Amino acid sequence: MTRNDPEDTYTLLEKLGTGSFGTVYKAINNETKRIVAVKQIDLEDSDDDISEIQQEIALLSQCDSPYITRYYGSFVKGFKLWIVMEYLAGGSCLDLLKPGAFDEQQIAIVCRELLLGLDYLHRGGKIHRDIKAANILLSAEGKVKLADFGVAAQLSNNKSKRNTFVGTPADIWSLGITAIELAKGEPPLAEYHPMRVLFLIPKAKPPVLDGPFSAAFKDFVSLCLTKKPENRPTAEELLRHRFIKSARQTTYLQDLIDRLAEWRA
């Protein structure tokens, strides 16, 4: 983290979004002319503990994968922390859902790329813990990347802690929920408050993908949503599933980006 003035290096171009974490801007590096995303966190107002934010930065700076958003550096200016990241022009899957649900072929591609990202993280003893449509970003070419390690955690080597909402199986569960979200336009239990969902899930049967979908897709989702975490397949195992094996190249996802542009026009 440097104390140099980030405004000497970066010019903010437009606001991309606001969340509990702060505000994200599209910006340009004045020297290299590279377009980047800048996440600004107000350290005075932030609900996040500073140590949590530092943990996120440390985690991102260790990640070197084509399936994870690239981290370029961070600065503190006044009471604001600037986190400089790769800019992904295609937007988030949550944005891309606005005109309607994805088709199965598109979902298979997104799930394959997410599994490649999760396999990379899990092998390195990291978990994401917040996989959802809003945290899946696309480049203009349709490449898929995982973003926002707001609550990502470094796993200790204690493998006995793999219970329901802890450890790598939690990411696989979230992937299954996200696959339903992409297929239906909203996640199952969307009508419930998120904390209520946490209490419902251990007691209830896992959500099921119903509707006019292929047997392969339904089977993939049901495996992700295996009730007992210890029985849930790993990212590496799911990459061998027939639903994922049939997925096409990421360039097919450009249709989603074009569809959103038309919808907004």
Protein backbone atom coordinates (compact mmCIF):
# COMPACT_ATOMS: atom_id res chain seq x y z
CA MET A 1 0.00 0.00 0.00
CA THR A 2 1.60 3.29 -1.02
CA ARG A 3 1.20 6.86 0.13
CA ASN A 4 1.82 8.34 -3.33
CA ASP A 5 -1.03 10.52 -4.55
CA PRO A 6 -3.19 8.20 -6.70
CA GLU A 7 -4.62 11.23 -8.50
CA ASP A 8 -1.18 11.83 -10.03
CA THR A 9 -1.40 8.41 -11.68
CA TYR A 10 -5.13 7.84 -12.26
CA THR A 11 -7.97 9.98 -13.59
CA LEU A 12 -11.47 8.85 -12.59
CA LEU A 13 -13.75 8.69 -15.64
CA GLU A 14 -17.16 7.49 -14.44
CA LYS A 15 -18.87 5.88 -11.48
CA LEU A 16 -19.63 2.19 -12.11
CA GLY A 17 -21.46 1.34 -8.92
CA THR A 18 -21.84 1.78 -5.19
CA GLY A 19 -22.10 -0.89 -2.54
CA SER A 20 -21.61 -1.44 1.16
CA PHE A 21 -17.87 -1.56 0.42
CA GLY A 22 -17.66 1.91 -1.14
CA THR A 23 -17.74 3.16 -4.73
CA VAL A 24 -16.24 1.69 -7.89
CA TYR A 25 -15.05 3.95 -10.72
CA LYS A 26 -13.76 3.42 -14.21
CA ALA A 27 -10.41 5.20 -14.41
CA ILE A 28 -7.41 5.62 -16.69
CA ASN A 29 -3.74 5.31 -15.86
CA ASN A 30 -2.37 8.61 -17.13
CA GLU A 31 1.04 7.13 -18.01
CA THR A 32 0.15 3.78 -19.59
CA LYS A 33 -3.36 4.81 -20.75
CA ARG A 34 -4.65 1.50 -19.40
CA ILE A 35 -8.30 1.54 -18.31
CA VAL A 36 -8.71 0.23 -14.75
CA ALA A 37 -11.38 -0.08 -12.08
CA VAL A 38 -10.82 1.83 -8.84
CA LYS A 39 -12.62 0.73 -5.69
CA GLN A 40 -12.69 3.61 -3.20
CA ILE A 41 -13.38 2.74 0.42
CA ASP A 42 -14.05 5.51 2.91
CA LEU A 43 -12.02 4.45 5.92
CA GLU A 44 -14.04 6.69 8.27
CA ASP A 45 -17.46 5.33 7.26
CA SER A 46 -16.51 1.80 6.33
CA ASP A 47 -18.33 -1.00 8.14
CA ASP A 48 -15.40 -3.21 7.24
CA ASP A 49 -12.66 -3.52 9.74
CA ILE A 50 -9.40 -2.07 8.33
CA SER A 51 -7.74 -5.43 9.01
CA GLU A 52 -10.42 -7.16 6.87
CA ILE A 53 -9.73 -4.76 4.02
CA GLN A 54 -6.00 -5.38 4.34
CA GLN A 55 -6.71 -9.12 4.28
CA GLU A 56 -8.67 -8.70 1.04
CA ILE A 57 -5.78 -6.76 -0.51
CA ALA A 58 -3.23 -9.33 0.65
CA LEU A 59 -5.38 -12.11 -0.80
CA LEU A 60 -5.83 -10.35 -4.13
CA SER A 61 -2.15 -9.51 -4.44
CA GLN A 62 -1.32 -13.23 -4.07
CA CYS A 63 -3.75 -14.26 -6.81
CA ASP A 64 -2.33 -14.80 -10.26
CA SER A 65 -5.01 -16.46 -12.36
CA PRO A 66 -6.85 -15.61 -15.57
CA TYR A 67 -10.09 -16.45 -13.70
CA ILE A 68 -9.64 -13.89 -10.90
CA THR A 69 -9.76 -10.10 -11.38
CA ARG A 70 -6.23 -8.69 -11.47
CA TYR A 71 -5.05 -6.44 -8.68
CA TYR A 72 -2.73 -3.55 -9.63
CA GLY A 73 -2.07 -1.84 -6.30
CA SER A 74 -3.56 0.28 -3.55
CA PHE A 75 -3.15 3.78 -2.18
CA VAL A 76 -4.34 5.73 0.82
CA LYS A 77 -5.33 9.35 0.22
CA GLY A 78 -6.87 11.25 3.10
CA PHE A 79 -9.52 8.97 4.55
CA LYS A 80 -9.95 7.04 1.32
CA LEU A 81 -8.39 3.76 0.35
CA TRP A 82 -8.02 3.25 -3.41
CA ILE A 83 -7.83 -0.35 -4.65
CA VAL A 84 -6.84 -0.46 -8.32
CA MET A 85 -8.13 -3.48 -10.23
CA GLU A 86 -8.55 -4.80 -13.73
CA TYR A 87 -11.47 -3.17 -15.57
CA LEU A 88 -13.95 -5.60 -17.12
CA ALA A 89 -16.10 -3.87 -19.73
CA GLY A 90 -18.72 -6.62 -20.07
CA GLY A 91 -20.18 -5.91 -16.64
CA SER A 92 -21.41 -8.32 -13.98
CA CYS A 93 -23.67 -11.33 -14.49
CA LEU A 94 -26.23 -9.49 -12.36
CA ASP A 95 -26.28 -6.66 -14.96
CA LEU A 96 -26.34 -9.19 -17.79
CA LEU A 97 -29.44 -10.84 -16.26
CA LYS A 98 -31.49 -7.63 -16.58
CA PRO A 99 -32.84 -8.47 -20.07
CA GLY A 100 -33.63 -12.04 -18.96
CA ALA A 101 -32.19 -15.40 -17.91
CA PHE A 102 -29.14 -16.98 -19.59
CA ASP A 103 -29.45 -20.05 -21.78
CA GLU A 104 -27.91 -23.36 -20.75
CA GLN A 105 -24.91 -23.09 -23.04
CA GLN A 106 -24.06 -19.69 -21.58
CA ILE A 107 -24.47 -21.02 -18.02
CA ALA A 108 -22.20 -24.00 -18.77
CA ILE A 109 -19.45 -21.62 -19.93
CA VAL A 110 -19.80 -19.35 -16.87
CA CYS A 111 -19.78 -22.36 -14.51
CA ARG A 112 -16.69 -23.86 -16.16
CA GLU A 113 -14.75 -20.62 -15.82
CA LEU A 114 -15.87 -20.20 -12.19
CA LEU A 115 -14.83 -23.78 -11.41
CA LEU A 116 -11.40 -23.09 -12.90
CA GLY A 117 -11.14 -20.02 -10.65
CA LEU A 118 -12.36 -21.94 -7.59
CA ASP A 119 -10.00 -24.83 -8.30
CA TYR A 120 -7.12 -22.31 -8.37
CA LEU A 121 -8.23 -20.69 -5.08
CA HIS A 122 -9.00 -23.93 -3.25
CA ARG A 123 -5.65 -25.50 -4.22
CA GLY A 124 -4.00 -22.43 -2.72
CA GLY A 125 -5.95 -22.81 0.53
CA LYS A 126 -8.25 -19.86 -0.19
CA ILE A 127 -12.04 -19.65 -0.24
CA HIS A 128 -14.12 -16.93 -1.87
CA ARG A 129 -17.25 -17.13 0.33
CA ASP A 130 -19.37 -14.72 -1.74
CA ILE A 131 -20.05 -16.28 -5.12
CA LYS A 132 -23.12 -14.73 -6.73
CA ALA A 133 -24.08 -13.12 -10.03
CA ALA A 134 -22.99 -9.64 -8.84
CA ASN A 135 -19.42 -10.88 -8.23
CA ILE A 136 -18.94 -12.56 -11.61
CA LEU A 137 -17.53 -10.11 -14.16
CA LEU A 138 -17.09 -10.41 -17.92
CA SER A 139 -14.51 -8.80 -20.17
CA ALA A 140 -15.62 -7.28 -23.48
CA GLU A 141 -14.49 -10.53 -25.15
CA GLY A 142 -16.60 -12.68 -22.80
CA LYS A 143 -13.86 -13.86 -20.44
CA VAL A 144 -15.26 -14.67 -16.98
CA LYS A 145 -13.59 -13.53 -13.75
CA LEU A 146 -14.38 -13.79 -10.07
CA ALA A 147 -14.39 -10.48 -8.22
CA ASP A 148 -14.95 -8.95 -4.81
CA PHE A 149 -13.24 -10.98 -2.17
CA GLY A 150 -15.18 -8.96 0.37
CA VAL A 151 -15.24 -11.84 2.81
CA ALA A 152 -12.74 -14.22 1.25
CA ALA A 153 -10.73 -16.18 3.73
CA GLN A 154 -7.42 -17.89 3.89
CA LEU A 155 -8.01 -21.42 5.13
CA SER A 156 -5.79 -22.68 7.87
CA ASN A 157 -4.45 -26.17 7.37
CA ASN A 158 -7.07 -27.48 9.77
CA LYS A 159 -9.15 -29.63 7.44
CA SER A 160 -11.59 -30.67 10.20
CA LYS A 161 -13.30 -27.28 9.96
CA ARG A 162 -15.09 -28.22 6.72
CA ASN A 163 -18.62 -27.78 8.08
CA THR A 164 -21.60 -26.31 6.28
CA PHE A 165 -20.81 -22.64 5.74
CA VAL A 166 -17.08 -22.95 6.23
CA GLY A 167 -14.41 -24.19 3.88
CA THR A 168 -14.31 -24.98 0.21
CA PRO A 169 -17.68 -26.84 -0.03
CA ALA A 170 -19.47 -23.55 0.75
CA ASP A 171 -18.16 -22.11 -2.54
CA ILE A 172 -19.52 -25.11 -4.44
CA TRP A 173 -22.94 -24.66 -2.79
CA SER A 174 -22.92 -20.98 -3.82
CA LEU A 175 -22.00 -21.98 -7.38
CA GLY A 176 -25.10 -24.22 -7.52
CA ILE A 177 -27.31 -21.40 -6.22
CA THR A 178 -25.75 -19.03 -8.78
CA ALA A 179 -26.41 -21.51 -11.62
CA ILE A 180 -30.11 -21.47 -10.65
CA GLU A 181 -30.00 -17.66 -10.48
CA LEU A 182 -28.61 -17.48 -14.04
CA ALA A 183 -31.20 -19.98 -15.32
CA LYS A 184 -34.22 -18.43 -13.59
CA GLY A 185 -33.27 -14.77 -13.30
CA GLU A 186 -33.17 -14.83 -9.49
CA PRO A 187 -31.72 -17.15 -6.86
CA PRO A 188 -33.92 -19.67 -5.05
CA LEU A 189 -35.30 -18.30 -1.78
CA ALA A 190 -34.87 -14.78 -3.23
CA GLU A 191 -38.00 -13.72 -1.36
CA TYR A 192 -36.35 -14.42 2.00
CA HIS A 193 -33.92 -12.21 3.82
CA PRO A 194 -30.35 -13.57 3.35
CA MET A 195 -29.92 -14.37 7.05
CA ARG A 196 -33.23 -16.23 7.04
CA VAL A 197 -31.93 -18.31 4.12
CA LEU A 198 -28.94 -19.35 6.23
CA PHE A 199 -31.31 -20.73 8.86
CA LEU A 200 -33.62 -22.36 6.33
CA ILE A 201 -30.95 -24.18 4.34
CA PRO A 202 -29.68 -26.55 7.07
CA LYS A 203 -33.26 -27.64 7.86
CA ALA A 204 -34.85 -27.61 4.41
CA LYS A 205 -34.18 -29.84 1.42
CA PRO A 206 -31.67 -28.29 -0.98
CA PRO A 207 -33.16 -26.19 -3.80
CA VAL A 208 -33.80 -28.05 -7.06
CA LEU A 209 -33.52 -26.77 -10.62
CA ASP A 210 -36.93 -27.50 -12.10
CA GLY A 211 -38.23 -26.56 -15.51
CA PRO A 212 -37.31 -27.23 -19.14
CA PHE A 213 -33.61 -27.88 -18.57
CA SER A 214 -31.40 -30.77 -19.67
CA ALA A 215 -30.77 -33.76 -17.41
CA ALA A 216 -27.05 -32.90 -17.42
CA PHE A 217 -27.69 -29.35 -16.14
CA LYS A 218 -30.12 -30.55 -13.45
CA ASP A 219 -27.63 -33.21 -12.31
CA PHE A 220 -24.80 -30.66 -12.14
CA VAL A 221 -26.88 -28.31 -9.96
CA SER A 222 -28.00 -31.14 -7.67
CA LEU A 223 -24.35 -32.19 -7.14
CA CYS A 224 -23.36 -28.61 -6.23
CA LEU A 225 -26.30 -28.54 -3.80
CA THR A 226 -25.49 -31.85 -2.10
CA LYS A 227 -26.73 -31.35 1.45
CA LYS A 228 -23.75 -32.73 3.38
CA PRO A 229 -20.67 -30.59 2.71
CA GLU A 230 -18.35 -33.59 3.02
CA ASN A 231 -20.24 -35.33 0.18
CA ARG A 232 -20.24 -32.32 -2.12
CA PRO A 233 -17.87 -32.70 -5.09
CA THR A 234 -14.78 -30.51 -5.40
CA ALA A 235 -14.23 -27.94 -8.15
CA GLU A 236 -11.75 -30.33 -9.78
CA GLU A 237 -14.34 -33.14 -9.82
CA LEU A 238 -17.09 -30.89 -11.19
CA LEU A 239 -14.83 -29.81 -14.07
CA ARG A 240 -15.17 -33.40 -15.33
CA HIS A 241 -18.99 -33.29 -15.28
CA ARG A 242 -20.70 -33.73 -18.67
CA PHE A 243 -22.54 -30.39 -18.35
CA ILE A 244 -19.19 -28.59 -18.02
CA LYS A 245 -17.36 -30.74 -20.58
CA SER A 246 -19.88 -29.66 -23.23
CA ALA A 247 -19.29 -25.92 -22.62
CA ARG A 248 -18.16 -23.82 -25.59
CA GLN A 249 -15.58 -21.02 -25.77
CA THR A 250 -16.03 -17.85 -23.74
CA THR A 251 -16.46 -15.76 -26.91
CA TYR A 252 -20.05 -17.11 -27.05
CA LEU A 253 -20.79 -14.96 -24.00
CA GLN A 254 -20.41 -11.80 -26.10
CA ASP A 255 -24.07 -12.32 -27.07
CA LEU A 256 -25.01 -11.52 -23.46
CA ILE A 257 -23.06 -8.26 -23.61
CA ASP A 258 -24.70 -7.29 -26.93
CA ARG A 259 -28.13 -8.23 -25.55
CA LEU A 260 -27.67 -5.91 -22.55
CA ALA A 261 -26.53 -3.03 -24.78
CA GLU A 262 -29.66 -3.45 -26.93
CA TRP A 263 -31.87 -3.70 -23.85
CA ARG A 264 -30.42 -0.43 -22.51
CA ALA A 265 -30.68 1.38 -25.86
